[in-house]
Amino acid sequence: MQDRESTDGLLQWFTAGRVLILAGVAVLLVAGLILVAEAIEESRELAETDREVNALAESDNECVACHRRATTGIVEQYGRSSMAAAEVACEDCHEVAEDYGGAVEHEGTWV
């Protein structure tokens, strides 16, 4: 009889332990999901903020002024880039010497 009581007690202890472990795992899963949801929301907010800031909005650069009329999408896309925010001008990357391989004349300069 005592053997049966100790087995029942052990079984209850294991059952309680499993319930406790499952409850702990559930709490960790819920906490993890909450953290993931918050991270996603924060990244969406940052993306919206980035889209709102156009570093070229007040630019008087000749390339920007012309391309704003001719290829608006390029100016809008570049204006929201980290390069534009770092004040890298179009000429810094696209203007080359006349004898540069593949260079073409464009609006009085070589690109």
PDB file of N, CA and C in Angstrom:
ATOM      1  N   MET A   1       0.819  -1.194   0.000  1.00  0.00           N
ATOM      2  CA  MET A   1       0.000   0.000   0.000  1.00  0.00           C
ATOM      3  C   MET A   1       0.861   1.254   0.000  1.00  0.00           C
ATOM      4  N   GLN A   2       1.916   1.211   0.787  1.00  0.00           N
ATOM      5  CA  GLN A   2       2.791   2.379   0.841  1.00  0.00           C
ATOM      6  C   GLN A   2       3.467   2.592  -0.506  1.00  0.00           C
ATOM      7  N   ASP A   3       3.762   1.521  -1.205  1.00  0.00           N
ATOM      8  CA  ASP A   3       4.366   1.618  -2.524  1.00  0.00           C
ATOM      9  C   ASP A   3       3.423   2.330  -3.496  1.00  0.00           C
ATOM     10  N   ARG A   4       2.147   2.024  -3.395  1.00  0.00           N
ATOM     11  CA  ARG A   4       1.129   2.658  -4.250  1.00  0.00           C
ATOM     12  C   ARG A   4       1.011   4.144  -3.929  1.00  0.00           C
ATOM     13  N   GLU A   5       1.052   4.515  -2.659  1.00  0.00           N
ATOM     14  CA  GLU A   5       0.968   5.913  -2.253  1.00  0.00           C
ATOM     15  C   GLU A   5       2.175   6.695  -2.737  1.00  0.00           C
ATOM     16  N   SER A   6       3.352   6.113  -2.658  1.00  0.00           N
ATOM     17  CA  SER A   6       4.547   6.817  -3.115  1.00  0.00           C
ATOM     18  C   SER A   6       4.531   6.969  -4.629  1.00  0.00           C
ATOM     19  N   THR A   7       3.982   5.972  -5.340  1.00  0.00           N
ATOM     20  CA  THR A   7       3.874   6.068  -6.793  1.00  0.00           C
ATOM     21  C   THR A   7       2.883   7.161  -7.170  1.00  0.00           C
ATOM     22  N   ASP A   8       1.748   7.213  -6.479  1.00  0.00           N
ATOM     23  CA  ASP A   8       0.763   8.272  -6.746  1.00  0.00           C
ATOM     24  C   ASP A   8       1.347   9.651  -6.454  1.00  0.00           C
ATOM     25  N   GLY A   9       2.088   9.763  -5.363  1.00  0.00           N
ATOM     26  CA  GLY A   9       2.713  11.040  -5.002  1.00  0.00           C
ATOM     27  C   GLY A   9       3.740  11.464  -6.039  1.00  0.00           C
ATOM     28  N   LEU A  10       4.517  10.504  -6.518  1.00  0.00           N
ATOM     29  CA  LEU A  10       5.523  10.779  -7.535  1.00  0.00           C
ATOM     30  C   LEU A  10       4.855  11.188  -8.845  1.00  0.00           C
ATOM     31  N   LEU A  11       3.779  10.505  -9.192  1.00  0.00           N
ATOM     32  CA  LEU A  11       3.034  10.827 -10.399  1.00  0.00           C
ATOM     33  C   LEU A  11       2.457  12.245 -10.318  1.00  0.00           C
ATOM     34  N   GLN A  12       1.926  12.613  -9.166  1.00  0.00           N
ATOM     35  CA  GLN A  12       1.392  13.956  -8.968  1.00  0.00           C
ATOM     36  C   GLN A  12       2.518  14.992  -9.074  1.00  0.00           C
ATOM     37  N   TRP A  13       3.666  14.662  -8.516  1.00  0.00           N
ATOM     38  CA  TRP A  13       4.802  15.586  -8.570  1.00  0.00           C
ATOM     39  C   TRP A  13       5.238  15.799 -10.020  1.00  0.00           C
ATOM     40  N   PHE A  14       5.354  14.708 -10.814  1.00  0.00           N
ATOM     41  CA  PHE A  14       5.730  14.831 -12.224  1.00  0.00           C
ATOM     42  C   PHE A  14       4.684  15.612 -13.007  1.00  0.00           C
ATOM     43  N   THR A  15       3.412  15.359 -12.736  1.00  0.00           N
ATOM     44  CA  THR A  15       2.335  16.079 -13.413  1.00  0.00           C
ATOM     45  C   THR A  15       2.403  17.564 -13.088  1.00  0.00           C
ATOM     46  N   ALA A  16       2.592  17.895 -11.836  1.00  0.00           N
ATOM     47  CA  ALA A  16       2.710  19.305 -11.428  1.00  0.00           C
ATOM     48  C   ALA A  16       3.933  19.933 -12.070  1.00  0.00           C
ATOM     49  N   GLY A  17       5.014  19.163 -12.143  1.00  0.00           N
ATOM     50  CA  GLY A  17       6.236  19.677 -12.777  1.00  0.00           C
ATOM     51  C   GLY A  17       6.028  19.952 -14.253  1.00  0.00           C
ATOM     52  N   ARG A  18       5.338  19.054 -14.947  1.00  0.00           N
ATOM     53  CA  ARG A  18       5.056  19.248 -16.374  1.00  0.00           C
ATOM     54  C   ARG A  18       4.176  20.473 -16.591  1.00  0.00           C
ATOM     55  N   VAL A  19       3.179  20.631 -15.747  1.00  0.00           N
ATOM     56  CA  VAL A  19       2.296  21.792 -15.857  1.00  0.00           C
ATOM     57  C   VAL A  19       3.096  23.075 -15.646  1.00  0.00           C
ATOM     58  N   LEU A  20       3.961  23.053 -14.666  1.00  0.00           N
ATOM     59  CA  LEU A  20       4.788  24.230 -14.384  1.00  0.00           C
ATOM     60  C   LEU A  20       5.715  24.531 -15.565  1.00  0.00           C
ATOM     61  N   ILE A  21       6.317  23.510 -16.132  1.00  0.00           N
ATOM     62  CA  ILE A  21       7.210  23.703 -17.284  1.00  0.00           C
ATOM     63  C   ILE A  21       6.413  24.232 -18.482  1.00  0.00           C
ATOM     64  N   LEU A  22       5.265  23.638 -18.748  1.00  0.00           N
ATOM     65  CA  LEU A  22       4.437  24.106 -19.861  1.00  0.00           C
ATOM     66  C   LEU A  22       3.977  25.553 -19.659  1.00  0.00           C
ATOM     67  N   ALA A  23       3.628  25.890 -18.444  1.00  0.00           N
ATOM     68  CA  ALA A  23       3.222  27.266 -18.149  1.00  0.00           C
ATOM     69  C   ALA A  23       4.392  28.219 -18.384  1.00  0.00           C
ATOM     70  N   GLY A  24       5.580  27.819 -17.967  1.00  0.00           N
ATOM     71  CA  GLY A  24       6.775  28.651 -18.180  1.00  0.00           C
ATOM     72  C   GLY A  24       7.064  28.843 -19.655  1.00  0.00           C
ATOM     73  N   VAL A  25       6.959  27.757 -20.431  1.00  0.00           N
ATOM     74  CA  VAL A  25       7.178  27.845 -21.874  1.00  0.00           C
ATOM     75  C   VAL A  25       6.124  28.760 -22.506  1.00  0.00           C
ATOM     76  N   ALA A  26       4.881  28.635 -22.077  1.00  0.00           N
ATOM     77  CA  ALA A  26       3.817  29.486 -22.616  1.00  0.00           C
ATOM     78  C   ALA A  26       4.095  30.956 -22.320  1.00  0.00           C
ATOM     79  N   VAL A  27       4.522  31.252 -21.112  1.00  0.00           N
ATOM     80  CA  VAL A  27       4.843  32.639 -20.740  1.00  0.00           C
ATOM     81  C   VAL A  27       5.983  33.164 -21.604  1.00  0.00           C
ATOM     82  N   LEU A  28       7.017  32.348 -21.806  1.00  0.00           N
ATOM     83  CA  LEU A  28       8.142  32.774 -22.640  1.00  0.00           C
ATOM     84  C   LEU A  28       7.712  32.989 -24.089  1.00  0.00           C
ATOM     85  N   LEU A  29       6.859  32.117 -24.610  1.00  0.00           N
ATOM     86  CA  LEU A  29       6.370  32.285 -25.978  1.00  0.00           C
ATOM     87  C   LEU A  29       5.557  33.566 -26.134  1.00  0.00           C
ATOM     88  N   VAL A  30       4.678  33.821 -25.203  1.00  0.00           N
ATOM     89  CA  VAL A  30       3.868  35.037 -25.264  1.00  0.00           C
ATOM     90  C   VAL A  30       4.759  36.272 -25.163  1.00  0.00           C
ATOM     91  N   ALA A  31       5.710  36.248 -24.247  1.00  0.00           N
ATOM     92  CA  ALA A  31       6.634  37.390 -24.105  1.00  0.00           C
ATOM     93  C   ALA A  31       7.438  37.581 -25.389  1.00  0.00           C
ATOM     94  N   GLY A  32       7.888  36.483 -25.987  1.00  0.00           N
ATOM     95  CA  GLY A  32       8.630  36.569 -27.248  1.00  0.00           C
ATOM     96  C   GLY A  32       7.793  37.147 -28.361  1.00  0.00           C
ATOM     97  N   LEU A  33       6.544  36.705 -28.464  1.00  0.00           N
ATOM     98  CA  LEU A  33       5.652  37.238 -29.489  1.00  0.00           C
ATOM     99  C   LEU A  33       5.386  38.726 -29.297  1.00  0.00           C
ATOM    100  N   ILE A  34       5.244  39.133 -28.057  1.00  0.00           N
ATOM    101  CA  ILE A  34       5.045  40.560 -27.770  1.00  0.00           C
ATOM    102  C   ILE A  34       6.266  41.361 -28.207  1.00  0.00           C
ATOM    103  N   LEU A  35       7.468  40.855 -27.899  1.00  0.00           N
ATOM    104  CA  LEU A  35       8.691  41.552 -28.297  1.00  0.00           C
ATOM    105  C   LEU A  35       8.820  41.633 -29.820  1.00  0.00           C
ATOM    106  N   VAL A  36       8.488  40.551 -30.507  1.00  0.00           N
ATOM    107  CA  VAL A  36       8.547  40.553 -31.966  1.00  0.00           C
ATOM    108  C   VAL A  36       7.550  41.557 -32.535  1.00  0.00           C
ATOM    109  N   ALA A  37       6.334  41.572 -32.000  1.00  0.00           N
ATOM    110  CA  ALA A  37       5.322  42.518 -32.467  1.00  0.00           C
ATOM    111  C   ALA A  37       5.771  43.958 -32.252  1.00  0.00           C
ATOM    112  N   GLU A  38       6.361  44.238 -31.110  1.00  0.00           N
ATOM    113  CA  GLU A  38       6.849  45.596 -30.834  1.00  0.00           C
ATOM    114  C   GLU A  38       7.986  45.967 -31.780  1.00  0.00           C
ATOM    115  N   ALA A  39       8.880  45.026 -32.066  1.00  0.00           N
ATOM    116  CA  ALA A  39       9.994  45.299 -32.978  1.00  0.00           C
ATOM    117  C   ALA A  39       9.478  45.589 -34.382  1.00  0.00           C
ATOM    118  N   ILE A  40       8.479  44.824 -34.822  1.00  0.00           N
ATOM    119  CA  ILE A  40       7.894  45.056 -36.144  1.00  0.00           C
ATOM    120  C   ILE A  40       7.247  46.433 -36.204  1.00  0.00           C
ATOM    121  N   GLU A  41       6.510  46.785 -35.178  1.00  0.00           N
ATOM    122  CA  GLU A  41       5.849  48.094 -35.145  1.00  0.00           C
ATOM    123  C   GLU A  41       6.879  49.224 -35.155  1.00  0.00           C
ATOM    124  N   GLU A  42       7.946  49.052 -34.392  1.00  0.00           N
ATOM    125  CA  GLU A  42       8.991  50.085 -34.354  1.00  0.00           C
ATOM    126  C   GLU A  42       9.658  50.234 -35.714  1.00  0.00           C
ATOM    127  N   SER A  43       9.917  49.120 -36.400  1.00  0.00           N
ATOM    128  CA  SER A  43      10.547  49.211 -37.718  1.00  0.00           C
ATOM    129  C   SER A  43       9.603  49.873 -38.718  1.00  0.00           C
ATOM    130  N   ARG A  44       8.303  49.631 -38.595  1.00  0.00           N
ATOM    131  CA  ARG A  44       7.336  50.302 -39.470  1.00  0.00           C
ATOM    132  C   ARG A  44       7.329  51.802 -39.220  1.00  0.00           C
ATOM    133  N   GLU A  45       7.374  52.186 -37.953  1.00  0.00           N
ATOM    134  CA  GLU A  45       7.394  53.612 -37.630  1.00  0.00           C
ATOM    135  C   GLU A  45       8.654  54.274 -38.165  1.00  0.00           C
ATOM    136  N   LEU A  46       9.802  53.596 -38.036  1.00  0.00           N
ATOM    137  CA  LEU A  46      11.052  54.147 -38.561  1.00  0.00           C
ATOM    138  C   LEU A  46      10.996  54.256 -40.077  1.00  0.00           C
ATOM    139  N   ALA A  47      10.439  53.261 -40.734  1.00  0.00           N
ATOM    140  CA  ALA A  47      10.323  53.296 -42.193  1.00  0.00           C
ATOM    141  C   ALA A  47       9.441  54.453 -42.634  1.00  0.00           C
ATOM    142  N   GLU A  48       8.351  54.686 -41.922  1.00  0.00           N
ATOM    143  CA  GLU A  48       7.471  55.806 -42.261  1.00  0.00           C
ATOM    144  C   GLU A  48       8.183  57.130 -42.053  1.00  0.00           C
ATOM    145  N   THR A  49       8.950  57.246 -40.976  1.00  0.00           N
ATOM    146  CA  THR A  49       9.712  58.467 -40.714  1.00  0.00           C
ATOM    147  C   THR A  49      10.738  58.686 -41.810  1.00  0.00           C
ATOM    148  N   ASP A  50      11.446  57.605 -42.211  1.00  0.00           N
ATOM    149  CA  ASP A  50      12.442  57.721 -43.272  1.00  0.00           C
ATOM    150  C   ASP A  50      11.804  58.182 -44.571  1.00  0.00           C
ATOM    151  N   ARG A  51      10.609  57.681 -44.872  1.00  0.00           N
ATOM    152  CA  ARG A  51       9.939  58.060 -46.104  1.00  0.00           C
ATOM    153  C   ARG A  51       9.523  59.521 -46.089  1.00  0.00           C
ATOM    154  N   GLU A  52       9.305  60.075 -44.920  1.00  0.00           N
ATOM    155  CA  GLU A  52       8.847  61.452 -44.816  1.00  0.00           C
ATOM    156  C   GLU A  52       9.981  62.457 -45.019  1.00  0.00           C
ATOM    157  N   VAL A  53      11.217  62.060 -44.769  1.00  0.00           N
ATOM    158  CA  VAL A  53      12.355  62.970 -44.834  1.00  0.00           C
ATOM    159  C   VAL A  53      13.009  62.872 -46.207  1.00  0.00           C
ATOM    160  N   ASN A  54      13.013  63.964 -46.940  1.00  0.00           N
ATOM    161  CA  ASN A  54      13.659  64.016 -48.245  1.00  0.00           C
ATOM    162  C   ASN A  54      14.803  65.017 -48.150  1.00  0.00           C
ATOM    163  N   ALA A  55      16.029  64.511 -48.151  1.00  0.00           N
ATOM    164  CA  ALA A  55      17.216  65.364 -47.992  1.00  0.00           C
ATOM    165  C   ALA A  55      17.380  66.337 -49.152  1.00  0.00           C
ATOM    166  N   LEU A  56      16.721  66.074 -50.264  1.00  0.00           N
ATOM    167  CA  LEU A  56      16.849  66.949 -51.431  1.00  0.00           C
ATOM    168  C   LEU A  56      15.690  67.933 -51.578  1.00  0.00           C
ATOM    169  N   ALA A  57      14.803  67.971 -50.613  1.00  0.00           N
ATOM    170  CA  ALA A  57      13.606  68.817 -50.713  1.00  0.00           C
ATOM    171  C   ALA A  57      13.947  70.277 -50.969  1.00  0.00           C
ATOM    172  N   GLU A  58      14.965  70.778 -50.360  1.00  0.00           N
ATOM    173  CA  GLU A  58      15.341  72.188 -50.514  1.00  0.00           C
ATOM    174  C   GLU A  58      16.602  72.356 -51.357  1.00  0.00           C
ATOM    175  N   SER A  59      16.998  71.332 -52.093  1.00  0.00           N
ATOM    176  CA  SER A  59      18.243  71.365 -52.862  1.00  0.00           C
ATOM    177  C   SER A  59      18.160  72.332 -54.035  1.00  0.00           C
ATOM    178  N   ASP A  60      19.276  73.070 -54.245  1.00  0.00           N
ATOM    179  CA  ASP A  60      19.370  73.940 -55.414  1.00  0.00           C
ATOM    180  C   ASP A  60      20.421  73.405 -56.393  1.00  0.00           C
ATOM    181  N   ASN A  61      20.815  72.134 -56.218  1.00  0.00           N
ATOM    182  CA  ASN A  61      21.771  71.474 -57.097  1.00  0.00           C
ATOM    183  C   ASN A  61      21.190  71.415 -58.510  1.00  0.00           C
ATOM    184  N   GLU A  62      22.011  71.754 -59.519  1.00  0.00           N
ATOM    185  CA  GLU A  62      21.537  71.785 -60.905  1.00  0.00           C
ATOM    186  C   GLU A  62      21.043  70.411 -61.360  1.00  0.00           C
ATOM    187  N   CYS A  63      21.751  69.347 -60.983  1.00  0.00           N
ATOM    188  CA  CYS A  63      21.331  67.994 -61.367  1.00  0.00           C
ATOM    189  C   CYS A  63      19.956  67.684 -60.778  1.00  0.00           C
ATOM    190  N   VAL A  64      19.792  68.011 -59.512  1.00  0.00           N
ATOM    191  CA  VAL A  64      18.526  67.742 -58.831  1.00  0.00           C
ATOM    192  C   VAL A  64      17.405  68.541 -59.484  1.00  0.00           C
ATOM    193  N   ALA A  65      17.660  69.802 -59.764  1.00  0.00           N
ATOM    194  CA  ALA A  65      16.627  70.654 -60.362  1.00  0.00           C
ATOM    195  C   ALA A  65      16.181  70.105 -61.716  1.00  0.00           C
ATOM    196  N   CYS A  66      17.113  69.701 -62.553  1.00  0.00           N
ATOM    197  CA  CYS A  66      16.779  69.177 -63.876  1.00  0.00           C
ATOM    198  C   CYS A  66      16.095  67.815 -63.767  1.00  0.00           C
ATOM    199  N   HIS A  67      16.675  66.927 -62.967  1.00  0.00           N
ATOM    200  CA  HIS A  67      16.103  65.584 -62.846  1.00  0.00           C
ATOM    201  C   HIS A  67      14.772  65.596 -62.096  1.00  0.00           C
ATOM    202  N   ARG A  68      14.546  66.595 -61.305  1.00  0.00           N
ATOM    203  CA  ARG A  68      13.237  66.713 -60.644  1.00  0.00           C
ATOM    204  C   ARG A  68      12.146  66.888 -61.707  1.00  0.00           C
ATOM    205  N   ARG A  69      12.484  67.569 -62.785  1.00  0.00           N
ATOM    206  CA  ARG A  69      11.524  67.751 -63.882  1.00  0.00           C
ATOM    207  C   ARG A  69      11.489  66.529 -64.798  1.00  0.00           C
ATOM    208  N   ALA A  70      12.664  65.962 -65.101  1.00  0.00           N
ATOM    209  CA  ALA A  70      12.762  64.893 -66.100  1.00  0.00           C
ATOM    210  C   ALA A  70      12.519  63.482 -65.539  1.00  0.00           C
ATOM    211  N   THR A  71      13.059  63.205 -64.380  1.00  0.00           N
ATOM    212  CA  THR A  71      12.953  61.858 -63.787  1.00  0.00           C
ATOM    213  C   THR A  71      12.672  61.995 -62.293  1.00  0.00           C
ATOM    214  N   THR A  72      11.490  62.436 -61.979  1.00  0.00           N
ATOM    215  CA  THR A  72      11.095  62.743 -60.603  1.00  0.00           C
ATOM    216  C   THR A  72      11.337  61.579 -59.650  1.00  0.00           C
ATOM    217  N   GLY A  73      11.041  60.356 -60.082  1.00  0.00           N
ATOM    218  CA  GLY A  73      11.182  59.186 -59.213  1.00  0.00           C
ATOM    219  C   GLY A  73      12.599  58.995 -58.701  1.00  0.00           C
ATOM    220  N   ILE A  74      13.571  59.245 -59.561  1.00  0.00           N
ATOM    221  CA  ILE A  74      14.974  59.090 -59.153  1.00  0.00           C
ATOM    222  C   ILE A  74      15.322  60.091 -58.054  1.00  0.00           C
ATOM    223  N   VAL A  75      14.897  61.318 -58.233  1.00  0.00           N
ATOM    224  CA  VAL A  75      15.171  62.355 -57.231  1.00  0.00           C
ATOM    225  C   VAL A  75      14.489  62.029 -55.914  1.00  0.00           C
ATOM    226  N   GLU A  76      13.246  61.583 -55.979  1.00  0.00           N
ATOM    227  CA  GLU A  76      12.516  61.230 -54.755  1.00  0.00           C
ATOM    228  C   GLU A  76      13.178  60.057 -54.045  1.00  0.00           C
ATOM    229  N   GLN A  77      13.543  59.034 -54.807  1.00  0.00           N
ATOM    230  CA  GLN A  77      14.178  57.857 -54.209  1.00  0.00           C
ATOM    231  C   GLN A  77      15.529  58.225 -53.595  1.00  0.00           C
ATOM    232  N   TYR A  78      16.360  58.944 -54.334  1.00  0.00           N
ATOM    233  CA  TYR A  78      17.672  59.305 -53.815  1.00  0.00           C
ATOM    234  C   TYR A  78      17.544  60.259 -52.624  1.00  0.00           C
ATOM    235  N   GLY A  79      16.564  61.141 -52.674  1.00  0.00           N
ATOM    236  CA  GLY A  79      16.378  62.110 -51.593  1.00  0.00           C
ATOM    237  C   GLY A  79      16.113  61.451 -50.250  1.00  0.00           C
ATOM    238  N   ARG A  80      15.599  60.235 -50.256  1.00  0.00           N
ATOM    239  CA  ARG A  80      15.304  59.509 -49.014  1.00  0.00           C
ATOM    240  C   ARG A  80      16.398  58.503 -48.650  1.00  0.00           C
ATOM    241  N   SER A  81      17.504  58.537 -49.369  1.00  0.00           N
ATOM    242  CA  SER A  81      18.587  57.579 -49.131  1.00  0.00           C
ATOM    243  C   SER A  81      19.568  58.092 -48.075  1.00  0.00           C
ATOM    244  N   SER A  82      20.347  57.183 -47.534  1.00  0.00           N
ATOM    245  CA  SER A  82      21.366  57.563 -46.552  1.00  0.00           C
ATOM    246  C   SER A  82      22.470  58.384 -47.217  1.00  0.00           C
ATOM    247  N   MET A  83      22.706  58.148 -48.499  1.00  0.00           N
ATOM    248  CA  MET A  83      23.730  58.918 -49.217  1.00  0.00           C
ATOM    249  C   MET A  83      23.321  60.386 -49.316  1.00  0.00           C
ATOM    250  N   ALA A  84      22.069  60.639 -49.645  1.00  0.00           N
ATOM    251  CA  ALA A  84      21.590  62.025 -49.722  1.00  0.00           C
ATOM    252  C   ALA A  84      21.625  62.672 -48.346  1.00  0.00           C
ATOM    253  N   ALA A  85      21.253  61.907 -47.327  1.00  0.00           N
ATOM    254  CA  ALA A  85      21.289  62.437 -45.961  1.00  0.00           C
ATOM    255  C   ALA A  85      22.710  62.792 -45.550  1.00  0.00           C
ATOM    256  N   ALA A  86      23.698  62.073 -46.113  1.00  0.00           N
ATOM    257  CA  ALA A  86      25.114  62.347 -45.817  1.00  0.00           C
ATOM    258  C   ALA A  86      25.669  63.448 -46.722  1.00  0.00           C
ATOM    259  N   GLU A  87      24.775  64.068 -47.505  1.00  0.00           N
ATOM    260  CA  GLU A  87      25.118  65.178 -48.392  1.00  0.00           C
ATOM    261  C   GLU A  87      26.098  64.789 -49.496  1.00  0.00           C
ATOM    262  N   VAL A  88      25.952  63.567 -50.010  1.00  0.00           N
ATOM    263  CA  VAL A  88      26.723  63.133 -51.175  1.00  0.00           C
ATOM    264  C   VAL A  88      25.977  63.650 -52.395  1.00  0.00           C
ATOM    265  N   ALA A  89      26.608  64.536 -53.143  1.00  0.00           N
ATOM    266  CA  ALA A  89      25.976  65.155 -54.313  1.00  0.00           C
ATOM    267  C   ALA A  89      26.047  64.218 -55.516  1.00  0.00           C
ATOM    268  N   CYS A  90      25.171  64.432 -56.460  1.00  0.00           N
ATOM    269  CA  CYS A  90      25.139  63.619 -57.680  1.00  0.00           C
ATOM    270  C   CYS A  90      26.522  63.581 -58.342  1.00  0.00           C
ATOM    271  N   GLU A  91      27.135  64.768 -58.438  1.00  0.00           N
ATOM    272  CA  GLU A  91      28.425  64.900 -59.107  1.00  0.00           C
ATOM    273  C   GLU A  91      29.529  64.084 -58.430  1.00  0.00           C
ATOM    274  N   ASP A  92      29.398  63.866 -57.151  1.00  0.00           N
ATOM    275  CA  ASP A  92      30.425  63.119 -56.417  1.00  0.00           C
ATOM    276  C   ASP A  92      30.614  61.714 -56.975  1.00  0.00           C
ATOM    277  N   CYS A  93      29.560  61.117 -57.494  1.00  0.00           N
ATOM    278  CA  CYS A  93      29.649  59.750 -58.008  1.00  0.00           C
ATOM    279  C   CYS A  93      29.499  59.668 -59.521  1.00  0.00           C
ATOM    280  N   HIS A  94      28.772  60.611 -60.126  1.00  0.00           N
ATOM    281  CA  HIS A  94      28.428  60.468 -61.532  1.00  0.00           C
ATOM    282  C   HIS A  94      29.238  61.341 -62.477  1.00  0.00           C
ATOM    283  N   GLU A  95      29.889  62.362 -62.010  1.00  0.00           N
ATOM    284  CA  GLU A  95      30.669  63.223 -62.886  1.00  0.00           C
ATOM    285  C   GLU A  95      32.085  62.672 -63.003  1.00  0.00           C
ATOM    286  N   VAL A  96      32.558  62.534 -64.264  1.00  0.00           N
ATOM    287  CA  VAL A  96      33.886  61.970 -64.518  1.00  0.00           C
ATOM    288  C   VAL A  96      34.642  62.854 -65.505  1.00  0.00           C
ATOM    289  N   ALA A  97      35.911  62.532 -65.689  1.00  0.00           N
ATOM    290  CA  ALA A  97      36.725  63.245 -66.673  1.00  0.00           C
ATOM    291  C   ALA A  97      36.298  62.821 -68.080  1.00  0.00           C
ATOM    292  N   GLU A  98      36.530  63.711 -69.039  1.00  0.00           N
ATOM    293  CA  GLU A  98      36.135  63.453 -70.427  1.00  0.00           C
ATOM    294  C   GLU A  98      36.760  62.165 -70.966  1.00  0.00           C
ATOM    295  N   ASP A  99      38.006  61.872 -70.544  1.00  0.00           N
ATOM    296  CA  ASP A  99      38.698  60.689 -71.074  1.00  0.00           C
ATOM    297  C   ASP A  99      38.424  59.408 -70.262  1.00  0.00           C
ATOM    298  N   TYR A 100      37.507  59.467 -69.331  1.00  0.00           N
ATOM    299  CA  TYR A 100      37.138  58.291 -68.539  1.00  0.00           C
ATOM    300  C   TYR A 100      36.430  57.293 -69.458  1.00  0.00           C
ATOM    301  N   GLY A 101      36.797  56.034 -69.369  1.00  0.00           N
ATOM    302  CA  GLY A 101      36.212  54.998 -70.225  1.00  0.00           C
ATOM    303  C   GLY A 101      34.702  54.944 -70.099  1.00  0.00           C
ATOM    304  N   GLY A 102      33.998  55.083 -71.223  1.00  0.00           N
ATOM    305  CA  GLY A 102      32.545  55.017 -71.231  1.00  0.00           C
ATOM    306  C   GLY A 102      31.856  56.329 -70.906  1.00  0.00           C
ATOM    307  N   ALA A 103      32.636  57.398 -70.665  1.00  0.00           N
ATOM    308  CA  ALA A 103      32.033  58.689 -70.319  1.00  0.00           C
ATOM    309  C   ALA A 103      31.251  59.249 -71.500  1.00  0.00           C
ATOM    310  N   VAL A 104      30.117  59.873 -71.174  1.00  0.00           N
ATOM    311  CA  VAL A 104      29.321  60.546 -72.204  1.00  0.00           C
ATOM    312  C   VAL A 104      29.069  61.977 -71.748  1.00  0.00           C
ATOM    313  N   GLU A 105      28.967  62.879 -72.763  1.00  0.00           N
ATOM    314  CA  GLU A 105      28.685  64.274 -72.452  1.00  0.00           C
ATOM    315  C   GLU A 105      27.220  64.391 -72.088  1.00  0.00           C
ATOM    316  N   HIS A 106      26.971  65.137 -71.016  1.00  0.00           N
ATOM    317  CA  HIS A 106      25.593  65.321 -70.542  1.00  0.00           C
ATOM    318  C   HIS A 106      25.462  66.698 -69.911  1.00  0.00           C
ATOM    319  N   GLU A 107      24.714  67.571 -70.565  1.00  0.00           N
ATOM    320  CA  GLU A 107      24.420  68.889 -70.036  1.00  0.00           C
ATOM    321  C   GLU A 107      25.700  69.661 -69.645  1.00  0.00           C
ATOM    322  N   GLY A 108      26.707  69.613 -70.490  1.00  0.00           N
ATOM    323  CA  GLY A 108      27.922  70.386 -70.280  1.00  0.00           C
ATOM    324  C   GLY A 108      28.936  69.724 -69.333  1.00  0.00           C
ATOM    325  N   THR A 109      28.710  68.500 -68.977  1.00  0.00           N
ATOM    326  CA  THR A 109      29.670  67.789 -68.130  1.00  0.00           C
ATOM    327  C   THR A 109      29.784  66.350 -68.647  1.00  0.00           C
ATOM    328  N   TRP A 110      30.651  65.577 -68.057  1.00  0.00           N
ATOM    329  CA  TRP A 110      30.828  64.181 -68.480  1.00  0.00           C
ATOM    330  C   TRP A 110      30.377  63.250 -67.362  1.00  0.00           C
ATOM    331  N   VAL A 111      29.567  62.285 -67.736  1.00  0.00           N
ATOM    332  CA  VAL A 111      29.048  61.320 -66.759  1.00  0.00           C
ATOM    333  C   VAL A 111      29.341  59.905 -67.210  1.00  0.00           C
TER     334      VAL A 111
END
